N, C-alpha and C. Protein backbone atom coordinates (compact mmCIF):
# COMPACT_ATOMS: atom_id res chain seq x y z
N MET A 1 31.28 -4.58 -11.84
CA MET A 1 29.88 -4.29 -11.92
C MET A 1 29.52 -4.05 -13.38
N HIS A 2 28.38 -4.59 -13.78
CA HIS A 2 27.89 -4.44 -15.14
C HIS A 2 26.50 -3.82 -15.07
N SER A 3 26.20 -2.90 -15.97
CA SER A 3 24.86 -2.33 -16.01
C SER A 3 24.28 -2.51 -17.40
N SER A 4 22.97 -2.65 -17.44
CA SER A 4 22.25 -2.79 -18.70
C SER A 4 20.82 -2.31 -18.49
N CYS A 5 20.04 -2.33 -19.54
CA CYS A 5 18.65 -1.90 -19.48
C CYS A 5 17.79 -2.88 -20.27
N PHE A 6 16.52 -2.93 -19.93
CA PHE A 6 15.56 -3.69 -20.72
C PHE A 6 14.18 -3.08 -20.49
N THR A 7 13.21 -3.52 -21.26
CA THR A 7 11.83 -3.08 -21.06
C THR A 7 10.93 -4.30 -20.96
N PHE A 8 9.78 -4.09 -20.34
CA PHE A 8 8.71 -5.09 -20.39
C PHE A 8 7.40 -4.35 -20.58
N GLN A 9 6.41 -5.04 -21.10
CA GLN A 9 5.13 -4.42 -21.37
C GLN A 9 4.18 -4.66 -20.20
N ASP A 10 3.55 -3.58 -19.71
CA ASP A 10 2.62 -3.75 -18.59
C ASP A 10 1.24 -4.16 -19.10
N ASP A 11 0.30 -4.32 -18.17
CA ASP A 11 -1.04 -4.78 -18.51
C ASP A 11 -1.81 -3.82 -19.41
N LYS A 12 -1.37 -2.55 -19.46
CA LYS A 12 -2.03 -1.54 -20.29
C LYS A 12 -1.31 -1.36 -21.63
N GLY A 13 -0.29 -2.18 -21.89
CA GLY A 13 0.45 -2.10 -23.14
C GLY A 13 1.56 -1.07 -23.14
N ILE A 14 1.90 -0.55 -21.98
CA ILE A 14 2.95 0.47 -21.87
C ILE A 14 4.30 -0.21 -21.65
N GLU A 15 5.32 0.22 -22.40
CA GLU A 15 6.67 -0.31 -22.23
C GLU A 15 7.30 0.32 -20.99
N ILE A 16 7.62 -0.52 -20.01
CA ILE A 16 8.22 -0.07 -18.76
C ILE A 16 9.73 -0.23 -18.87
N PHE A 17 10.47 0.85 -18.65
CA PHE A 17 11.92 0.85 -18.77
C PHE A 17 12.56 0.44 -17.45
N VAL A 18 13.54 -0.48 -17.52
CA VAL A 18 14.18 -1.02 -16.32
C VAL A 18 15.70 -0.91 -16.44
N TYR A 19 16.33 -0.44 -15.37
CA TYR A 19 17.78 -0.45 -15.25
C TYR A 19 18.18 -1.68 -14.45
N ARG A 20 19.30 -2.28 -14.83
CA ARG A 20 19.80 -3.48 -14.13
C ARG A 20 21.29 -3.29 -13.87
N TRP A 21 21.70 -3.59 -12.64
CA TRP A 21 23.10 -3.58 -12.25
C TRP A 21 23.44 -4.96 -11.71
N LEU A 22 24.49 -5.56 -12.25
CA LEU A 22 24.90 -6.91 -11.83
C LEU A 22 26.31 -6.86 -11.28
N PRO A 23 26.55 -7.62 -10.22
CA PRO A 23 27.91 -7.68 -9.68
C PRO A 23 28.82 -8.43 -10.63
N ASP A 24 30.12 -8.22 -10.53
CA ASP A 24 31.07 -8.95 -11.37
C ASP A 24 30.91 -10.45 -11.17
N GLU A 25 30.70 -10.87 -9.95
CA GLU A 25 30.47 -12.28 -9.64
C GLU A 25 28.97 -12.55 -9.65
N TRP A 26 28.33 -12.35 -10.81
CA TRP A 26 26.88 -12.41 -10.90
C TRP A 26 26.33 -13.81 -10.75
N ARG A 27 27.17 -14.83 -10.82
CA ARG A 27 26.66 -16.20 -10.69
C ARG A 27 26.33 -16.56 -9.24
N SER A 28 26.78 -15.75 -8.31
CA SER A 28 26.47 -16.03 -6.90
C SER A 28 26.17 -14.75 -6.13
N PRO A 29 25.13 -13.99 -6.56
CA PRO A 29 24.79 -12.76 -5.85
C PRO A 29 24.20 -13.08 -4.48
N LYS A 30 24.28 -12.11 -3.58
CA LYS A 30 23.76 -12.28 -2.22
C LYS A 30 22.23 -12.21 -2.19
N ALA A 31 21.66 -11.31 -2.98
CA ALA A 31 20.20 -11.11 -3.01
C ALA A 31 19.84 -10.21 -4.18
N ASN A 32 18.55 -10.15 -4.48
CA ASN A 32 18.01 -9.17 -5.42
C ASN A 32 17.59 -7.94 -4.65
N VAL A 33 17.97 -6.77 -5.13
CA VAL A 33 17.49 -5.52 -4.55
C VAL A 33 16.67 -4.83 -5.63
N GLN A 34 15.40 -4.61 -5.33
CA GLN A 34 14.52 -3.92 -6.27
C GLN A 34 14.22 -2.55 -5.69
N ILE A 35 14.60 -1.51 -6.44
CA ILE A 35 14.45 -0.13 -5.98
C ILE A 35 13.27 0.51 -6.69
N SER A 36 12.45 1.22 -5.93
CA SER A 36 11.42 2.06 -6.54
C SER A 36 11.74 3.51 -6.19
N HIS A 37 11.75 4.36 -7.20
CA HIS A 37 12.14 5.76 -6.99
C HIS A 37 11.00 6.56 -6.38
N GLY A 38 11.31 7.76 -5.95
CA GLY A 38 10.31 8.64 -5.35
C GLY A 38 9.47 9.37 -6.39
N THR A 39 8.43 10.01 -5.94
CA THR A 39 7.55 10.79 -6.81
C THR A 39 8.34 11.94 -7.44
N GLY A 40 8.15 12.15 -8.73
CA GLY A 40 8.84 13.23 -9.43
C GLY A 40 10.29 12.90 -9.76
N GLU A 41 10.69 11.67 -9.53
CA GLU A 41 12.06 11.24 -9.81
C GLU A 41 12.05 10.20 -10.93
N HIS A 42 13.19 9.61 -11.18
CA HIS A 42 13.30 8.52 -12.14
C HIS A 42 14.37 7.57 -11.64
N ALA A 43 14.36 6.35 -12.15
CA ALA A 43 15.23 5.30 -11.62
C ALA A 43 16.72 5.59 -11.80
N ALA A 44 17.10 6.33 -12.84
CA ALA A 44 18.52 6.63 -13.05
C ALA A 44 19.10 7.44 -11.89
N MET A 45 18.25 8.13 -11.14
CA MET A 45 18.73 8.91 -10.00
C MET A 45 19.27 8.00 -8.90
N CYS A 46 18.95 6.73 -8.97
CA CYS A 46 19.40 5.75 -7.97
C CYS A 46 20.70 5.08 -8.40
N SER A 47 21.28 5.48 -9.53
CA SER A 47 22.40 4.73 -10.11
C SER A 47 23.63 4.68 -9.22
N ARG A 48 23.91 5.73 -8.49
CA ARG A 48 25.09 5.70 -7.61
C ARG A 48 24.91 4.66 -6.50
N PHE A 49 23.75 4.69 -5.85
CA PHE A 49 23.44 3.71 -4.81
C PHE A 49 23.39 2.30 -5.40
N ALA A 50 22.75 2.16 -6.56
CA ALA A 50 22.63 0.85 -7.20
C ALA A 50 23.99 0.30 -7.59
N GLY A 51 24.86 1.15 -8.12
CA GLY A 51 26.21 0.71 -8.47
C GLY A 51 26.99 0.24 -7.26
N PHE A 52 26.92 1.01 -6.17
CA PHE A 52 27.60 0.63 -4.93
C PHE A 52 27.06 -0.70 -4.41
N THR A 53 25.74 -0.85 -4.43
CA THR A 53 25.11 -2.08 -3.95
C THR A 53 25.53 -3.26 -4.80
N SER A 54 25.54 -3.07 -6.11
CA SER A 54 25.94 -4.14 -7.03
C SER A 54 27.41 -4.51 -6.84
N GLU A 55 28.26 -3.51 -6.66
CA GLU A 55 29.69 -3.79 -6.43
C GLU A 55 29.92 -4.60 -5.16
N ASN A 56 28.94 -4.60 -4.28
CA ASN A 56 29.03 -5.37 -3.05
C ASN A 56 28.27 -6.68 -3.12
N GLY A 57 27.98 -7.14 -4.35
CA GLY A 57 27.49 -8.49 -4.54
C GLY A 57 26.01 -8.70 -4.71
N TYR A 58 25.25 -7.66 -5.04
CA TYR A 58 23.81 -7.79 -5.17
C TYR A 58 23.35 -7.54 -6.60
N PHE A 59 22.29 -8.27 -7.04
CA PHE A 59 21.56 -7.91 -8.25
C PHE A 59 20.73 -6.69 -7.89
N VAL A 60 20.70 -5.67 -8.74
CA VAL A 60 19.88 -4.49 -8.47
C VAL A 60 19.06 -4.17 -9.72
N HIS A 61 17.77 -3.93 -9.52
CA HIS A 61 16.87 -3.53 -10.60
C HIS A 61 16.05 -2.34 -10.15
N ALA A 62 15.77 -1.42 -11.07
CA ALA A 62 14.92 -0.26 -10.78
C ALA A 62 14.20 0.12 -12.07
N ASN A 63 12.88 0.23 -11.99
CA ASN A 63 12.13 0.64 -13.18
C ASN A 63 11.66 2.08 -13.05
N ASP A 64 11.50 2.72 -14.21
CA ASP A 64 10.89 4.04 -14.26
C ASP A 64 9.38 3.83 -14.29
N TYR A 65 8.66 4.50 -13.38
CA TYR A 65 7.20 4.43 -13.39
C TYR A 65 6.68 5.00 -14.70
N ARG A 66 5.45 4.66 -15.04
CA ARG A 66 4.81 5.27 -16.20
C ARG A 66 4.77 6.78 -15.98
N GLY A 67 5.14 7.54 -17.01
CA GLY A 67 5.19 9.00 -16.90
C GLY A 67 6.47 9.54 -16.28
N HIS A 68 7.46 8.67 -16.05
CA HIS A 68 8.72 9.07 -15.42
C HIS A 68 9.90 8.53 -16.23
N GLY A 69 10.99 9.28 -16.22
CA GLY A 69 12.24 8.81 -16.83
C GLY A 69 12.07 8.33 -18.25
N ARG A 70 12.67 7.19 -18.55
CA ARG A 70 12.66 6.67 -19.92
C ARG A 70 11.40 5.90 -20.25
N THR A 71 10.51 5.71 -19.28
CA THR A 71 9.19 5.15 -19.57
C THR A 71 8.28 6.23 -20.14
N LEU A 72 8.58 7.49 -19.84
CA LEU A 72 7.80 8.63 -20.34
C LEU A 72 7.89 8.68 -21.86
N ARG A 73 6.74 8.73 -22.52
CA ARG A 73 6.73 8.75 -23.98
C ARG A 73 6.40 10.14 -24.53
N GLU A 74 5.57 10.90 -23.82
CA GLU A 74 5.19 12.24 -24.27
C GLU A 74 5.39 13.21 -23.12
N LEU A 75 6.10 14.30 -23.37
CA LEU A 75 6.43 15.27 -22.33
C LEU A 75 5.18 15.81 -21.62
N CYS A 76 4.07 15.91 -22.33
CA CYS A 76 2.85 16.44 -21.72
C CYS A 76 2.31 15.51 -20.63
N ASN A 77 2.78 14.26 -20.58
CA ASN A 77 2.34 13.30 -19.56
C ASN A 77 3.37 13.14 -18.44
N SER A 78 4.34 14.04 -18.38
CA SER A 78 5.40 13.93 -17.39
C SER A 78 4.84 13.88 -15.97
N GLY A 79 5.23 12.85 -15.23
CA GLY A 79 4.80 12.70 -13.85
C GLY A 79 3.44 12.05 -13.67
N LEU A 80 2.72 11.80 -14.76
CA LEU A 80 1.40 11.19 -14.67
C LEU A 80 1.52 9.67 -14.80
N LEU A 81 0.90 8.95 -13.87
CA LEU A 81 0.98 7.49 -13.90
C LEU A 81 0.03 6.87 -14.92
N GLY A 82 -0.96 7.63 -15.37
CA GLY A 82 -1.87 7.14 -16.39
C GLY A 82 -2.95 6.24 -15.83
N PRO A 83 -3.61 5.46 -16.71
CA PRO A 83 -4.72 4.61 -16.29
C PRO A 83 -4.31 3.65 -15.17
N GLY A 84 -5.10 3.61 -14.12
CA GLY A 84 -4.81 2.72 -13.00
C GLY A 84 -4.01 3.36 -11.89
N GLY A 85 -3.37 4.51 -12.15
CA GLY A 85 -2.63 5.24 -11.13
C GLY A 85 -1.66 4.39 -10.33
N TRP A 86 -1.68 4.58 -8.99
CA TRP A 86 -0.74 3.87 -8.12
C TRP A 86 -0.94 2.37 -8.15
N ASN A 87 -2.18 1.91 -8.33
CA ASN A 87 -2.41 0.46 -8.39
C ASN A 87 -1.68 -0.15 -9.59
N ALA A 88 -1.71 0.55 -10.72
CA ALA A 88 -0.99 0.07 -11.90
C ALA A 88 0.52 0.12 -11.68
N ALA A 89 1.00 1.17 -11.00
CA ALA A 89 2.44 1.26 -10.69
C ALA A 89 2.86 0.11 -9.78
N ALA A 90 2.01 -0.23 -8.81
CA ALA A 90 2.30 -1.35 -7.92
C ALA A 90 2.34 -2.66 -8.70
N LYS A 91 1.44 -2.81 -9.65
CA LYS A 91 1.42 -4.01 -10.49
C LYS A 91 2.69 -4.09 -11.33
N ASP A 92 3.16 -2.95 -11.84
CA ASP A 92 4.41 -2.93 -12.60
C ASP A 92 5.58 -3.38 -11.73
N LEU A 93 5.63 -2.90 -10.48
CA LEU A 93 6.68 -3.33 -9.56
C LEU A 93 6.60 -4.83 -9.30
N SER A 94 5.38 -5.32 -9.13
CA SER A 94 5.18 -6.75 -8.90
C SER A 94 5.60 -7.56 -10.12
N ASN A 95 5.23 -7.08 -11.32
CA ASN A 95 5.63 -7.78 -12.55
C ASN A 95 7.14 -7.81 -12.70
N LEU A 96 7.81 -6.70 -12.39
CA LEU A 96 9.27 -6.68 -12.45
C LEU A 96 9.86 -7.70 -11.48
N SER A 97 9.28 -7.78 -10.30
CA SER A 97 9.75 -8.74 -9.31
C SER A 97 9.67 -10.17 -9.84
N ILE A 98 8.58 -10.49 -10.52
CA ILE A 98 8.40 -11.82 -11.10
C ILE A 98 9.45 -12.07 -12.18
N ILE A 99 9.69 -11.07 -13.03
CA ILE A 99 10.70 -11.19 -14.08
C ILE A 99 12.07 -11.44 -13.47
N VAL A 100 12.43 -10.67 -12.46
CA VAL A 100 13.74 -10.78 -11.82
C VAL A 100 13.90 -12.15 -11.15
N GLU A 101 12.86 -12.61 -10.47
CA GLU A 101 12.94 -13.90 -9.79
C GLU A 101 13.13 -15.05 -10.77
N GLY A 102 12.74 -14.85 -12.04
CA GLY A 102 12.90 -15.89 -13.04
C GLY A 102 14.26 -15.91 -13.72
N GLU A 103 15.12 -14.96 -13.39
CA GLU A 103 16.44 -14.91 -14.01
C GLU A 103 17.36 -15.98 -13.43
N PRO A 104 18.32 -16.46 -14.23
CA PRO A 104 19.28 -17.45 -13.73
C PRO A 104 20.03 -16.91 -12.52
N CYS A 105 20.30 -17.77 -11.57
CA CYS A 105 21.08 -17.44 -10.37
C CYS A 105 20.39 -16.39 -9.51
N SER A 106 19.09 -16.25 -9.64
CA SER A 106 18.38 -15.21 -8.90
C SER A 106 18.12 -15.64 -7.46
N PRO A 107 18.70 -14.92 -6.49
CA PRO A 107 18.46 -15.23 -5.09
C PRO A 107 17.16 -14.59 -4.60
N PHE A 108 16.90 -14.67 -3.31
CA PHE A 108 15.67 -14.09 -2.76
C PHE A 108 15.65 -12.58 -2.94
N PRO A 109 14.44 -11.99 -3.04
CA PRO A 109 14.35 -10.54 -3.25
C PRO A 109 14.40 -9.73 -1.96
N LEU A 110 14.99 -8.55 -2.05
CA LEU A 110 14.94 -7.55 -1.00
C LEU A 110 14.43 -6.28 -1.66
N ARG A 111 13.31 -5.77 -1.20
CA ARG A 111 12.71 -4.60 -1.86
C ARG A 111 12.88 -3.37 -0.98
N SER A 112 13.16 -2.25 -1.63
CA SER A 112 13.34 -1.00 -0.90
C SER A 112 12.74 0.14 -1.70
N GLN A 113 12.30 1.18 -1.00
CA GLN A 113 11.73 2.34 -1.66
C GLN A 113 12.57 3.54 -1.30
N LEU A 114 13.09 4.23 -2.31
CA LEU A 114 13.88 5.44 -2.10
C LEU A 114 13.07 6.63 -2.60
N GLY A 115 13.29 7.76 -2.04
CA GLY A 115 12.60 8.95 -2.51
C GLY A 115 11.86 9.64 -1.38
N ILE A 116 11.19 10.73 -1.73
CA ILE A 116 10.58 11.54 -0.69
C ILE A 116 9.26 10.99 -0.18
N ILE A 117 8.50 10.36 -1.01
CA ILE A 117 7.18 9.89 -0.58
C ILE A 117 7.16 8.37 -0.58
N PRO A 118 7.33 7.74 0.58
CA PRO A 118 7.28 6.29 0.63
C PRO A 118 5.85 5.80 0.40
N CYS A 119 5.73 4.68 -0.23
CA CYS A 119 4.42 4.12 -0.54
C CYS A 119 4.32 2.71 0.03
N PRO A 120 4.21 2.59 1.35
CA PRO A 120 4.20 1.26 1.95
C PRO A 120 3.04 0.41 1.47
N GLY A 121 1.98 1.03 0.98
CA GLY A 121 0.84 0.26 0.48
C GLY A 121 1.19 -0.59 -0.72
N LEU A 122 2.26 -0.23 -1.45
CA LEU A 122 2.65 -1.02 -2.62
C LEU A 122 3.28 -2.34 -2.21
N TYR A 123 4.02 -2.33 -1.11
CA TYR A 123 4.85 -3.48 -0.77
C TYR A 123 4.15 -4.63 -0.10
N PRO A 124 3.18 -4.42 0.79
CA PRO A 124 2.48 -5.59 1.33
C PRO A 124 1.83 -6.41 0.22
N GLN A 125 1.29 -5.74 -0.80
CA GLN A 125 0.71 -6.44 -1.93
C GLN A 125 1.76 -7.30 -2.61
N MET A 126 2.94 -6.75 -2.82
CA MET A 126 4.01 -7.49 -3.48
C MET A 126 4.50 -8.63 -2.61
N SER A 127 4.70 -8.38 -1.33
CA SER A 127 5.29 -9.41 -0.48
C SER A 127 4.33 -10.57 -0.30
N SER A 128 3.03 -10.33 -0.38
CA SER A 128 2.10 -11.44 -0.26
C SER A 128 2.06 -12.27 -1.54
N ASP A 129 2.50 -11.68 -2.65
CA ASP A 129 2.52 -12.39 -3.93
C ASP A 129 3.74 -13.27 -4.10
N HIS A 130 4.80 -13.03 -3.34
CA HIS A 130 6.07 -13.72 -3.54
C HIS A 130 6.58 -14.27 -2.23
N SER A 131 6.87 -15.55 -2.21
CA SER A 131 7.39 -16.14 -0.99
C SER A 131 8.90 -15.97 -0.93
N GLY A 132 9.44 -15.97 0.27
CA GLY A 132 10.88 -15.93 0.44
C GLY A 132 11.50 -14.56 0.40
N GLY A 133 10.72 -13.53 0.15
CA GLY A 133 11.29 -12.19 0.04
C GLY A 133 11.14 -11.38 1.30
N ASN A 134 11.88 -10.31 1.36
CA ASN A 134 11.80 -9.37 2.47
C ASN A 134 11.60 -7.99 1.91
N ASN A 135 10.96 -7.13 2.69
CA ASN A 135 10.92 -5.73 2.31
C ASN A 135 10.95 -4.89 3.56
N ILE A 136 11.21 -3.62 3.41
CA ILE A 136 11.45 -2.77 4.57
C ILE A 136 10.20 -2.45 5.36
N TRP A 137 9.03 -2.81 4.87
CA TRP A 137 7.79 -2.46 5.56
C TRP A 137 7.35 -3.53 6.54
N HIS A 138 8.04 -4.65 6.63
CA HIS A 138 7.66 -5.72 7.57
C HIS A 138 8.73 -5.90 8.60
């Protein structure tokens, strides 16, 4: 299993931090697993699950929401999603999904939400934007 990080810029110009876990046999992964963390959490909290999932043959990606984890730029904004709120966070998840689907050897996506407050409203929007994927809300 290999792990790395990258960032992408959202529609508001905010750098979104992303963790990536790749299986050793990354040229033939079973699926993409995109994890969204719970409220008040950050994506690194999913690392144990993500590592296990990756070791079993899956691409795994998880981004820190704006105001969370390594996407947080100023401590006074901790936990705040900023302009656009949940809609902007959903767009960030959707943008990450597009980035992941464009990677070499990228199989179909499987999306899951971990954490205390599930946000099923985020996923129907994403699943209608991308064909061939599955998520836990359908």
